[in-house]
PDB file of all heavy atoms in Angstrom:
ATOM      1  N   LEU A   1      61.570  -9.606  38.643  1.00  0.00           N
ATOM      2  CA  LEU A   1      61.814  -8.213  38.772  1.00  0.00           C
ATOM      3  C   LEU A   1      63.130  -7.760  38.264  1.00  0.00           C
ATOM      4  O   LEU A   1      63.231  -6.706  37.550  1.00  0.00           O
ATOM      5  CB  LEU A   1      61.683  -7.860  40.238  1.00  0.00           C
ATOM      6  CG  LEU A   1      61.884  -6.414  40.630  1.00  0.00           C
ATOM      7  CD1 LEU A   1      60.854  -5.462  40.003  1.00  0.00           C
ATOM      8  CD2 LEU A   1      61.794  -6.210  42.190  1.00  0.00           C
ATOM      9  N   VAL A   2      64.139  -8.555  38.523  1.00  0.00           N
ATOM     10  CA  VAL A   2      65.503  -8.185  38.031  1.00  0.00           C
ATOM     11  C   VAL A   2      65.561  -8.220  36.558  1.00  0.00           C
ATOM     12  O   VAL A   2      66.131  -7.397  35.906  1.00  0.00           O
ATOM     13  CB  VAL A   2      66.562  -9.137  38.664  1.00  0.00           C
ATOM     14  CG1 VAL A   2      67.898  -8.971  38.035  1.00  0.00           C
ATOM     15  CG2 VAL A   2      66.674  -8.989  40.143  1.00  0.00           C
ATOM     16  N   PHE A   3      64.888  -9.215  35.920  1.00  0.00           N
ATOM     17  CA  PHE A   3      64.813  -9.266  34.485  1.00  0.00           C
ATOM     18  C   PHE A   3      64.222  -8.102  33.881  1.00  0.00           C
ATOM     19  O   PHE A   3      64.653  -7.517  32.863  1.00  0.00           O
ATOM     20  CB  PHE A   3      64.135 -10.573  34.073  1.00  0.00           C
ATOM     21  CG  PHE A   3      63.902 -10.654  32.616  1.00  0.00           C
ATOM     22  CD1 PHE A   3      64.983 -11.034  31.725  1.00  0.00           C
ATOM     23  CD2 PHE A   3      62.647 -10.440  32.059  1.00  0.00           C
ATOM     24  CE1 PHE A   3      64.704 -11.146  30.417  1.00  0.00           C
ATOM     25  CE2 PHE A   3      62.423 -10.561  30.726  1.00  0.00           C
ATOM     26  CZ  PHE A   3      63.467 -10.901  29.855  1.00  0.00           C
ATOM     27  N   VAL A   4      63.068  -7.712  34.452  1.00  0.00           N
ATOM     28  CA  VAL A   4      62.258  -6.573  33.940  1.00  0.00           C
ATOM     29  C   VAL A   4      63.179  -5.246  34.033  1.00  0.00           C
ATOM     30  O   VAL A   4      63.165  -4.421  33.072  1.00  0.00           O
ATOM     31  CB  VAL A   4      60.987  -6.410  34.629  1.00  0.00           C
ATOM     32  CG1 VAL A   4      60.260  -5.120  34.197  1.00  0.00           C
ATOM     33  CG2 VAL A   4      60.091  -7.628  34.248  1.00  0.00           C
ATOM     34  N   VAL A   5      63.781  -5.075  35.166  1.00  0.00           N
ATOM     35  CA  VAL A   5      64.614  -3.918  35.440  1.00  0.00           C
ATOM     36  C   VAL A   5      65.707  -3.863  34.398  1.00  0.00           C
ATOM     37  O   VAL A   5      66.069  -2.795  33.797  1.00  0.00           O
ATOM     38  CB  VAL A   5      65.100  -3.869  36.859  1.00  0.00           C
ATOM     39  CG1 VAL A   5      66.147  -2.706  36.975  1.00  0.00           C
ATOM     40  CG2 VAL A   5      63.976  -3.636  37.868  1.00  0.00           C
ATOM     41  N   LEU A   6      66.394  -4.924  34.253  1.00  0.00           N
ATOM     42  CA  LEU A   6      67.472  -5.046  33.291  1.00  0.00           C
ATOM     43  C   LEU A   6      67.031  -4.785  31.786  1.00  0.00           C
ATOM     44  O   LEU A   6      67.649  -4.214  30.976  1.00  0.00           O
ATOM     45  CB  LEU A   6      68.244  -6.368  33.387  1.00  0.00           C
ATOM     46  CG  LEU A   6      69.050  -6.576  34.656  1.00  0.00           C
ATOM     47  CD1 LEU A   6      69.617  -8.037  34.670  1.00  0.00           C
ATOM     48  CD2 LEU A   6      70.103  -5.514  34.848  1.00  0.00           C
ATOM     49  N   LEU A   7      65.861  -5.353  31.484  1.00  0.00           N
ATOM     50  CA  LEU A   7      65.265  -5.310  30.125  1.00  0.00           C
ATOM     51  C   LEU A   7      64.949  -3.804  29.841  1.00  0.00           C
ATOM     52  O   LEU A   7      65.238  -3.347  28.717  1.00  0.00           O
ATOM     53  CB  LEU A   7      64.112  -6.227  29.951  1.00  0.00           C
ATOM     54  CG  LEU A   7      63.459  -6.279  28.591  1.00  0.00           C
ATOM     55  CD1 LEU A   7      64.469  -6.946  27.636  1.00  0.00           C
ATOM     56  CD2 LEU A   7      62.160  -7.067  28.620  1.00  0.00           C
ATOM     57  N   LEU A   8      64.251  -3.215  30.786  1.00  0.00           N
ATOM     58  CA  LEU A   8      63.724  -1.878  30.456  1.00  0.00           C
ATOM     59  C   LEU A   8      64.770  -0.701  30.787  1.00  0.00           C
ATOM     60  O   LEU A   8      64.475   0.389  30.485  1.00  0.00           O
ATOM     61  CB  LEU A   8      62.423  -1.648  31.322  1.00  0.00           C
ATOM     62  CG  LEU A   8      61.347  -2.577  31.034  1.00  0.00           C
ATOM     63  CD1 LEU A   8      60.048  -2.140  31.866  1.00  0.00           C
ATOM     64  CD2 LEU A   8      60.919  -2.590  29.593  1.00  0.00           C
ATOM     65  N   GLY A   9      65.789  -1.110  31.454  1.00  0.00           N
ATOM     66  CA  GLY A   9      66.806  -0.147  31.821  1.00  0.00           C
ATOM     67  C   GLY A   9      68.044  -0.183  30.976  1.00  0.00           C
ATOM     68  O   GLY A   9      68.080   0.355  29.826  1.00  0.00           O
ATOM     69  N   PRO A  10      69.124  -0.846  31.366  1.00  0.00           N
ATOM     70  CA  PRO A  10      70.395  -0.926  30.592  1.00  0.00           C
ATOM     71  C   PRO A  10      70.198  -1.514  29.197  1.00  0.00           C
ATOM     72  O   PRO A  10      70.751  -1.040  28.300  1.00  0.00           O
ATOM     73  CB  PRO A  10      71.282  -1.790  31.494  1.00  0.00           C
ATOM     74  CG  PRO A  10      70.691  -1.716  32.868  1.00  0.00           C
ATOM     75  CD  PRO A  10      69.206  -1.510  32.681  1.00  0.00           C
ATOM     76  N   THR A  11      69.308  -2.542  29.119  1.00  0.00           N
ATOM     77  CA  THR A  11      69.171  -3.178  27.744  1.00  0.00           C
ATOM     78  C   THR A  11      68.497  -2.233  26.762  1.00  0.00           C
ATOM     79  O   THR A  11      68.916  -2.144  25.567  1.00  0.00           O
ATOM     80  CB  THR A  11      68.275  -4.397  27.904  1.00  0.00           C
ATOM     81  OG1 THR A  11      68.954  -5.305  28.878  1.00  0.00           O
ATOM     82  CG2 THR A  11      68.243  -5.189  26.569  1.00  0.00           C
ATOM     83  N   ALA A  12      67.494  -1.484  27.262  1.00  0.00           N
ATOM     84  CA  ALA A  12      66.803  -0.512  26.359  1.00  0.00           C
ATOM     85  C   ALA A  12      67.839   0.576  25.954  1.00  0.00           C
ATOM     86  O   ALA A  12      67.826   1.004  24.765  1.00  0.00           O
ATOM     87  CB  ALA A  12      65.598  -0.003  27.086  1.00  0.00           C
ATOM     88  N   ASN A  13      68.519   1.065  26.852  1.00  0.00           N
ATOM     89  CA  ASN A  13      69.569   2.095  26.567  1.00  0.00           C
ATOM     90  C   ASN A  13      70.617   1.578  25.607  1.00  0.00           C
ATOM     91  O   ASN A  13      71.061   2.257  24.672  1.00  0.00           O
ATOM     92  CB  ASN A  13      70.207   2.613  27.834  1.00  0.00           C
ATOM     93  CG  ASN A  13      69.245   3.415  28.715  1.00  0.00           C
ATOM     94  OD1 ASN A  13      68.375   4.098  28.182  1.00  0.00           O
ATOM     95  ND2 ASN A  13      69.425   3.337  30.006  1.00  0.00           N
ATOM     96  N   LEU A  14      71.029   0.350  25.777  1.00  0.00           N
ATOM     97  CA  LEU A  14      72.041  -0.274  24.873  1.00  0.00           C
ATOM     98  C   LEU A  14      71.473  -0.414  23.480  1.00  0.00           C
ATOM     99  O   LEU A  14      72.195  -0.088  22.494  1.00  0.00           O
ATOM    100  CB  LEU A  14      72.495  -1.536  25.406  1.00  0.00           C
ATOM    101  CG  LEU A  14      73.578  -2.314  24.617  1.00  0.00           C
ATOM    102  CD1 LEU A  14      74.864  -1.490  24.551  1.00  0.00           C
ATOM    103  CD2 LEU A  14      73.840  -3.711  25.179  1.00  0.00           C
ATOM    104  N   ILE A  15      70.274  -0.871  23.311  1.00  0.00           N
ATOM    105  CA  ILE A  15      69.685  -1.002  22.013  1.00  0.00           C
ATOM    106  C   ILE A  15      69.419   0.337  21.312  1.00  0.00           C
ATOM    107  O   ILE A  15      69.609   0.505  20.146  1.00  0.00           O
ATOM    108  CB  ILE A  15      68.438  -1.887  22.043  1.00  0.00           C
ATOM    109  CG1 ILE A  15      68.842  -3.274  22.481  1.00  0.00           C
ATOM    110  CG2 ILE A  15      67.690  -1.861  20.769  1.00  0.00           C
ATOM    111  CD1 ILE A  15      67.604  -4.179  22.698  1.00  0.00           C
ATOM    112  N   ALA A  16      69.007   1.332  22.141  1.00  0.00           N
ATOM    113  CA  ALA A  16      68.667   2.654  21.538  1.00  0.00           C
ATOM    114  C   ALA A  16      69.904   3.327  21.015  1.00  0.00           C
ATOM    115  O   ALA A  16      69.821   4.044  20.056  1.00  0.00           O
ATOM    116  CB  ALA A  16      68.062   3.486  22.669  1.00  0.00           C
ATOM    117  N   GLY A  17      71.021   2.990  21.545  1.00  0.00           N
ATOM    118  CA  GLY A  17      72.330   3.592  21.022  1.00  0.00           C
ATOM    119  C   GLY A  17      72.657   4.954  21.604  1.00  0.00           C
ATOM    120  O   GLY A  17      71.915   5.478  22.440  1.00  0.00           O
ATOM    121  N   HIS A  18      73.772   5.474  21.185  1.00  0.00           N
ATOM    122  CA  HIS A  18      74.268   6.769  21.762  1.00  0.00           C
ATOM    123  C   HIS A  18      73.493   7.977  21.249  1.00  0.00           C
ATOM    124  O   HIS A  18      73.479   9.063  21.800  1.00  0.00           O
ATOM    125  CB  HIS A  18      75.793   6.921  21.377  1.00  0.00           C
ATOM    126  CG  HIS A  18      76.006   7.045  19.962  1.00  0.00           C
ATOM    127  ND1 HIS A  18      76.040   5.898  19.102  1.00  0.00           N
ATOM    128  CD2 HIS A  18      76.223   8.094  19.091  1.00  0.00           C
ATOM    129  CE1 HIS A  18      76.317   6.296  17.870  1.00  0.00           C
ATOM    130  NE2 HIS A  18      76.444   7.643  17.965  1.00  0.00           N
ATOM    131  N   ARG A  19      72.771   7.761  20.100  1.00  0.00           N
ATOM    132  CA  ARG A  19      72.025   8.889  19.600  1.00  0.00           C
ATOM    133  C   ARG A  19      70.885   9.319  20.403  1.00  0.00           C
ATOM    134  O   ARG A  19      70.449  10.458  20.334  1.00  0.00           O
ATOM    135  CB  ARG A  19      71.523   8.536  18.200  1.00  0.00           C
ATOM    136  CG  ARG A  19      72.622   8.366  17.124  1.00  0.00           C
ATOM    137  CD  ARG A  19      72.009   8.105  15.723  1.00  0.00           C
ATOM    138  NE  ARG A  19      73.046   8.015  14.774  1.00  0.00           N
ATOM    139  CZ  ARG A  19      72.910   7.872  13.470  1.00  0.00           C
ATOM    140  NH1 ARG A  19      71.650   7.835  13.011  1.00  0.00           N
ATOM    141  NH2 ARG A  19      73.815   7.780  12.649  1.00  0.00           N
ATOM    142  N   ILE A  20      70.392   8.452  21.298  1.00  0.00           N
ATOM    143  CA  ILE A  20      69.282   8.845  22.155  1.00  0.00           C
ATOM    144  C   ILE A  20      69.688   9.928  23.222  1.00  0.00           C
ATOM    145  O   ILE A  20      68.884  10.630  23.719  1.00  0.00           O
ATOM    146  CB  ILE A  20      68.657   7.647  22.873  1.00  0.00           C
ATOM    147  CG1 ILE A  20      67.260   7.975  23.357  1.00  0.00           C
ATOM    148  CG2 ILE A  20      69.563   7.181  23.944  1.00  0.00           C
ATOM    149  CD1 ILE A  20      66.598   6.674  23.856  1.00  0.00           C
ATOM    150  N   ASN A  21      71.022   9.923  23.430  1.00  0.00           N
ATOM    151  CA  ASN A  21      71.506  10.943  24.332  1.00  0.00           C
ATOM    152  C   ASN A  21      71.402  12.363  23.782  1.00  0.00           C
ATOM    153  O   ASN A  21      71.465  13.327  24.579  1.00  0.00           O
ATOM    154  CB  ASN A  21      72.999  10.662  24.774  1.00  0.00           C
ATOM    155  CG  ASN A  21      73.161   9.351  25.459  1.00  0.00           C
ATOM    156  OD1 ASN A  21      72.217   8.978  26.299  1.00  0.00           O
ATOM    157  ND2 ASN A  21      74.233   8.643  25.276  1.00  0.00           N
ATOM    158  N   GLU A  22      71.242  12.501  22.473  1.00  0.00           N
ATOM    159  CA  GLU A  22      71.163  13.768  21.848  1.00  0.00           C
ATOM    160  C   GLU A  22      69.762  14.301  22.034  1.00  0.00           C
ATOM    161  O   GLU A  22      69.504  15.556  21.783  1.00  0.00           O
ATOM    162  CB  GLU A  22      71.534  13.708  20.398  1.00  0.00           C
ATOM    163  CG  GLU A  22      73.017  13.246  20.217  1.00  0.00           C
ATOM    164  CD  GLU A  22      73.343  13.033  18.704  1.00  0.00           C
ATOM    165  OE1 GLU A  22      72.359  13.242  17.922  1.00  0.00           O
ATOM    166  OE2 GLU A  22      74.429  12.613  18.415  1.00  0.00           O
ATOM    167  N   LEU A  23      68.833  13.435  22.342  1.00  0.00           N
ATOM    168  CA  LEU A  23      67.399  13.885  22.520  1.00  0.00           C
ATOM    169  C   LEU A  23      67.119  14.342  23.962  1.00  0.00           C
ATOM    170  O   LEU A  23      67.809  13.982  24.904  1.00  0.00           O
ATOM    171  CB  LEU A  23      66.434  12.757  22.191  1.00  0.00           C
ATOM    172  CG  LEU A  23      66.629  12.190  20.722  1.00  0.00           C
ATOM    173  CD1 LEU A  23      65.661  10.963  20.562  1.00  0.00           C
ATOM    174  CD2 LEU A  23      66.313  13.201  19.699  1.00  0.00           C
ATOM    175  N   HIS A  24      66.157  15.184  24.052  1.00  0.00           N
ATOM    176  CA  HIS A  24      65.800  15.641  25.423  1.00  0.00           C
ATOM    177  C   HIS A  24      64.243  15.716  25.567  1.00  0.00           C
ATOM    178  O   HIS A  24      63.523  15.784  24.573  1.00  0.00           O
ATOM    179  CB  HIS A  24      66.325  17.070  25.600  1.00  0.00           C
ATOM    180  CG  HIS A  24      67.869  17.148  25.448  1.00  0.00           C
ATOM    181  ND1 HIS A  24      68.693  16.755  26.387  1.00  0.00           N
ATOM    182  CD2 HIS A  24      68.540  17.510  24.321  1.00  0.00           C
ATOM    183  CE1 HIS A  24      69.971  16.949  25.960  1.00  0.00           C
ATOM    184  NE2 HIS A  24      69.915  17.416  24.790  1.00  0.00           N
ATOM    185  N   GLY A  25      63.848  15.631  26.863  1.00  0.00           N
ATOM    186  CA  GLY A  25      62.446  15.768  27.146  1.00  0.00           C
ATOM    187  C   GLY A  25      61.596  14.689  26.569  1.00  0.00           C
ATOM    188  O   GLY A  25      61.881  13.559  26.697  1.00  0.00           O
ATOM    189  N   LYS A  26      60.504  15.204  25.992  1.00  0.00           N
ATOM    190  CA  LYS A  26      59.474  14.205  25.507  1.00  0.00           C
ATOM    191  C   LYS A  26      60.024  13.302  24.391  1.00  0.00           C
ATOM    192  O   LYS A  26      59.645  12.148  24.298  1.00  0.00           O
ATOM    193  CB  LYS A  26      58.208  14.977  25.027  1.00  0.00           C
ATOM    194  CG  LYS A  26      57.026  14.062  24.729  1.00  0.00           C
ATOM    195  CD  LYS A  26      55.846  14.942  24.374  1.00  0.00           C
ATOM    196  CE  LYS A  26      54.644  14.021  24.075  1.00  0.00           C
ATOM    197  NZ  LYS A  26      54.859  13.023  23.036  1.00  0.00           N
ATOM    198  N   GLU A  27      60.850  13.877  23.496  1.00  0.00           N
ATOM    199  CA  GLU A  27      61.435  13.066  22.479  1.00  0.00           C
ATOM    200  C   GLU A  27      62.242  11.907  22.986  1.00  0.00           C
ATOM    201  O   GLU A  27      62.100  10.736  22.496  1.00  0.00           O
ATOM    202  CB  GLU A  27      62.313  13.934  21.498  1.00  0.00           C
ATOM    203  CG  GLU A  27      61.482  15.033  20.800  1.00  0.00           C
ATOM    204  CD  GLU A  27      62.322  15.860  19.911  1.00  0.00           C
ATOM    205  OE1 GLU A  27      63.548  15.700  19.941  1.00  0.00           O
ATOM    206  OE2 GLU A  27      61.841  16.635  19.052  1.00  0.00           O
ATOM    207  N   ARG A  28      63.059  12.076  24.024  1.00  0.00           N
ATOM    208  CA  ARG A  28      63.854  11.081  24.562  1.00  0.00           C
ATOM    209  C   ARG A  28      62.958  10.028  25.250  1.00  0.00           C
ATOM    210  O   ARG A  28      63.128   8.780  25.099  1.00  0.00           O
ATOM    211  CB  ARG A  28      64.789  11.686  25.633  1.00  0.00           C
ATOM    212  CG  ARG A  28      65.663  10.691  26.331  1.00  0.00           C
ATOM    213  CD  ARG A  28      66.500  11.340  27.429  1.00  0.00           C
ATOM    214  NE  ARG A  28      67.261  10.325  28.127  1.00  0.00           N
ATOM    215  CZ  ARG A  28      68.421   9.828  27.876  1.00  0.00           C
ATOM    216  NH1 ARG A  28      69.004  10.266  26.684  1.00  0.00           N
ATOM    217  NH2 ARG A  28      68.997   8.990  28.542  1.00  0.00           N
ATOM    218  N   PHE A  29      61.882  10.557  25.960  1.00  0.00           N
ATOM    219  CA  PHE A  29      60.985   9.564  26.610  1.00  0.00           C
ATOM    220  C   PHE A  29      60.259   8.688  25.623  1.00  0.00           C
ATOM    221  O   PHE A  29      60.123   7.437  25.823  1.00  0.00           O
ATOM    222  CB  PHE A  29      59.954  10.345  27.474  1.00  0.00           C
ATOM    223  CG  PHE A  29      58.926   9.508  28.153  1.00  0.00           C
ATOM    224  CD1 PHE A  29      59.225   8.794  29.243  1.00  0.00           C
ATOM    225  CD2 PHE A  29      57.656   9.401  27.551  1.00  0.00           C
ATOM    226  CE1 PHE A  29      58.192   7.933  29.854  1.00  0.00           C
ATOM    227  CE2 PHE A  29      56.732   8.566  28.117  1.00  0.00           C
ATOM    228  CZ  PHE A  29      56.997   7.937  29.293  1.00  0.00           C
ATOM    229  N   ASP A  30      59.701   9.310  24.512  1.00  0.00           N
ATOM    230  CA  ASP A  30      59.034   8.535  23.477  1.00  0.00           C
ATOM    231  C   ASP A  30      59.960   7.542  22.823  1.00  0.00           C
ATOM    232  O   ASP A  30      59.577   6.340  22.484  1.00  0.00           O
ATOM    233  CB  ASP A  30      58.371   9.491  22.422  1.00  0.00           C
ATOM    234  CG  ASP A  30      57.313  10.342  23.031  1.00  0.00           C
ATOM    235  OD1 ASP A  30      56.825   9.970  24.064  1.00  0.00           O
ATOM    236  OD2 ASP A  30      57.032  11.403  22.385  1.00  0.00           O
ATOM    237  N   ALA A  31      61.158   7.950  22.563  1.00  0.00           N
ATOM    238  CA  ALA A  31      62.131   6.976  21.942  1.00  0.00           C
ATOM    239  C   ALA A  31      62.413   5.824  22.806  1.00  0.00           C
ATOM    240  O   ALA A  31      62.398   4.591  22.414  1.00  0.00           O
ATOM    241  CB  ALA A  31      63.379   7.728  21.561  1.00  0.00           C
ATOM    242  N   LEU A  32      62.668   6.020  24.120  1.00  0.00           N
ATOM    243  CA  LEU A  32      62.899   4.896  25.045  1.00  0.00           C
ATOM    244  C   LEU A  32      61.741   4.120  25.223  1.00  0.00           C
ATOM    245  O   LEU A  32      61.765   2.866  25.271  1.00  0.00           O
ATOM    246  CB  LEU A  32      63.421   5.512  26.372  1.00  0.00           C
ATOM    247  CG  LEU A  32      64.842   5.865  26.556  1.00  0.00           C
ATOM    248  CD1 LEU A  32      65.147   6.453  27.849  1.00  0.00           C
ATOM    249  CD2 LEU A  32      65.732   4.643  26.329  1.00  0.00           C
ATOM    250  N   ASN A  33      60.558   4.730  25.295  1.00  0.00           N
ATOM    251  CA  ASN A  33      59.260   3.961  25.323  1.00  0.00           C
ATOM    252  C   ASN A  33      59.031   3.051  24.257  1.00  0.00           C
ATOM    253  O   ASN A  33      58.609   1.913  24.396  1.00  0.00           O
ATOM    254  CB  ASN A  33      58.101   4.947  25.637  1.00  0.00           C
ATOM    255  CG  ASN A  33      56.850   4.194  26.011  1.00  0.00           C
ATOM    256  OD1 ASN A  33      56.955   3.248  26.777  1.00  0.00           O
ATOM    257  ND2 ASN A  33      55.791   4.700  25.617  1.00  0.00           N
ATOM    258  N   SER A  34      59.390   3.502  23.022  1.00  0.00           N
ATOM    259  CA  SER A  34      59.214   2.680  21.844  1.00  0.00           C
ATOM    260  C   SER A  34      60.159   1.428  21.876  1.00  0.00           C
ATOM    261  O   SER A  34      59.748   0.352  21.577  1.00  0.00           O
ATOM    262  CB  SER A  34      59.537   3.520  20.573  1.00  0.00           C
ATOM    263  OG  SER A  34      59.348   2.677  19.418  1.00  0.00           O
ATOM    264  N   VAL A  35      61.388   1.701  22.269  1.00  0.00           N
ATOM    265  CA  VAL A  35      62.313   0.564  22.368  1.00  0.00           C
ATOM    266  C   VAL A  35      61.876  -0.360  23.446  1.00  0.00           C
ATOM    267  O   VAL A  35      62.014  -1.625  23.227  1.00  0.00           O
ATOM    268  CB  VAL A  35      63.758   1.091  22.712  1.00  0.00           C
ATOM    269  CG1 VAL A  35      64.722  -0.039  23.001  1.00  0.00           C
ATOM    270  CG2 VAL A  35      64.247   1.959  21.563  1.00  0.00           C
ATOM    271  N   ARG A  36      61.400   0.069  24.561  1.00  0.00           N
ATOM    272  CA  ARG A  36      60.970  -0.776  25.633  1.00  0.00           C
ATOM    273  C   ARG A  36      59.773  -1.647  25.262  1.00  0.00           C
ATOM    274  O   ARG A  36      59.702  -2.790  25.583  1.00  0.00           O
ATOM    275  CB  ARG A  36      60.627   0.037  26.866  1.00  0.00           C
ATOM    276  CG  ARG A  36      61.841   0.613  27.568  1.00  0.00           C
ATOM    277  CD  ARG A  36      61.480   1.611  28.584  1.00  0.00           C
ATOM    278  NE  ARG A  36      62.715   2.213  29.272  1.00  0.00           N
ATOM    279  CZ  ARG A  36      62.668   3.260  30.013  1.00  0.00           C
ATOM    280  NH1 ARG A  36      61.567   4.023  30.209  1.00  0.00           N
ATOM    281  NH2 ARG A  36      63.740   3.688  30.608  1.00  0.00           N
ATOM    282  N   GLN A  37      58.852  -0.988  24.453  1.00  0.00           N
ATOM    283  CA  GLN A  37      57.737  -1.786  24.026  1.00  0.00           C
ATOM    284  C   GLN A  37      58.077  -2.917  23.144  1.00  0.00           C
ATOM    285  O   GLN A  37      57.589  -4.034  23.158  1.00  0.00           O
ATOM    286  CB  GLN A  37      56.669  -0.829  23.320  1.00  0.00           C
ATOM    287  CG  GLN A  37      55.964   0.094  24.231  1.00  0.00           C
ATOM    288  CD  GLN A  37      55.065   0.998  23.459  1.00  0.00           C
ATOM    289  OE1 GLN A  37      55.001   0.988  22.224  1.00  0.00           O
ATOM    290  NE2 GLN A  37      54.310   1.894  24.236  1.00  0.00           N
ATOM    291  N   THR A  38      59.105  -2.573  22.218  1.00  0.00           N
ATOM    292  CA  THR A  38      59.635  -3.612  21.327  1.00  0.00           C
ATOM    293  C   THR A  38      60.241  -4.783  22.096  1.00  0.00           C
ATOM    294  O   THR A  38      60.034  -5.944  21.830  1.00  0.00           O
ATOM    295  CB  THR A  38      60.664  -3.032  20.345  1.00  0.00           C
ATOM    296  OG1 THR A  38      59.944  -2.010  19.668  1.00  0.00           O
ATOM    297  CG2 THR A  38      61.079  -4.107  19.366  1.00  0.00           C
ATOM    298  N   LEU A  39      61.061  -4.432  23.087  1.00  0.00           N
ATOM    299  CA  LEU A  39      61.750  -5.462  23.938  1.00  0.00           C
ATOM    300  C   LEU A  39      60.667  -6.334  24.708  1.00  0.00           C
ATOM    301  O   LEU A  39      60.816  -7.600  24.848  1.00  0.00           O
ATOM    302  CB  LEU A  39      62.647  -4.802  24.907  1.00  0.00           C
ATOM    303  CG  LEU A  39      63.933  -4.268  24.302  1.00  0.00           C
ATOM    304  CD1 LEU A  39      64.741  -3.466  25.385  1.00  0.00           C
ATOM    305  CD2 LEU A  39      64.859  -5.321  23.733  1.00  0.00           C
ATOM    306  N   VAL A  40      59.666  -5.664  25.300  1.00  0.00           N
ATOM    307  CA  VAL A  40      58.676  -6.419  26.035  1.00  0.00           C
ATOM    308  C   VAL A  40      57.864  -7.387  25.037  1.00  0.00           C
ATOM    309  O   VAL A  40      57.619  -8.531  25.498  1.00  0.00           O
ATOM    310  CB  VAL A  40      57.642  -5.409  26.658  1.00  0.00           C
ATOM    311  CG1 VAL A  40      56.460  -6.140  27.226  1.00  0.00           C
ATOM    312  CG2 VAL A  40      58.354  -4.721  27.845  1.00  0.00           C
ATOM    313  N   ALA A  41      57.593  -6.906  23.816  1.00  0.00           N
ATOM    314  CA  ALA A  41      56.868  -7.791  22.943  1.00  0.00           C
ATOM    315  C   ALA A  41      57.771  -8.948  22.541  1.00  0.00           C
ATOM    316  O   ALA A  41      57.308 -10.072  22.351  1.00  0.00           O
ATOM    317  CB  ALA A  41      56.558  -6.997  21.620  1.00  0.00           C
ATOM    318  N   ALA A  42      59.084  -8.710  22.315  1.00  0.00           N
ATOM    319  CA  ALA A  42      60.049  -9.769  21.948  1.00  0.00           C
ATOM    320  C   ALA A  42      60.147 -10.786  23.142  1.00  0.00           C
ATOM    321  O   ALA A  42      60.188 -12.025  22.865  1.00  0.00           O
ATOM    322  CB  ALA A  42      61.387  -9.230  21.632  1.00  0.00           C
ATOM    323  N   ALA A  43      60.189 -10.304  24.404  1.00  0.00           N
ATOM    324  CA  ALA A  43      60.301 -11.183  25.467  1.00  0.00           C
ATOM    325  C   ALA A  43      59.061 -11.961  25.605  1.00  0.00           C
ATOM    326  O   ALA A  43      59.080 -13.235  25.990  1.00  0.00           O
ATOM    327  CB  ALA A  43      60.557 -10.348  26.767  1.00  0.00           C
ATOM    328  N   ALA A  44      57.929 -11.382  25.409  1.00  0.00           N
ATOM    329  CA  ALA A  44      56.635 -12.125  25.481  1.00  0.00           C
ATOM    330  C   ALA A  44      56.590 -13.203  24.392  1.00  0.00           C
ATOM    331  O   ALA A  44      56.081 -14.355  24.659  1.00  0.00           O
ATOM    332  CB  ALA A  44      55.430 -11.190  25.370  1.00  0.00           C
TER     333      ALA A  44
END
């Protein structure tokens, strides 16, 4: 559980970079979701 939280939370934000803060709403959610899917696939 701790690994998943760290992977989908701080790690996803760190890989997404500071540019994701410029996005809002659905665009921000889609961008984070894409990064999280990539991280989950890499972990698997």
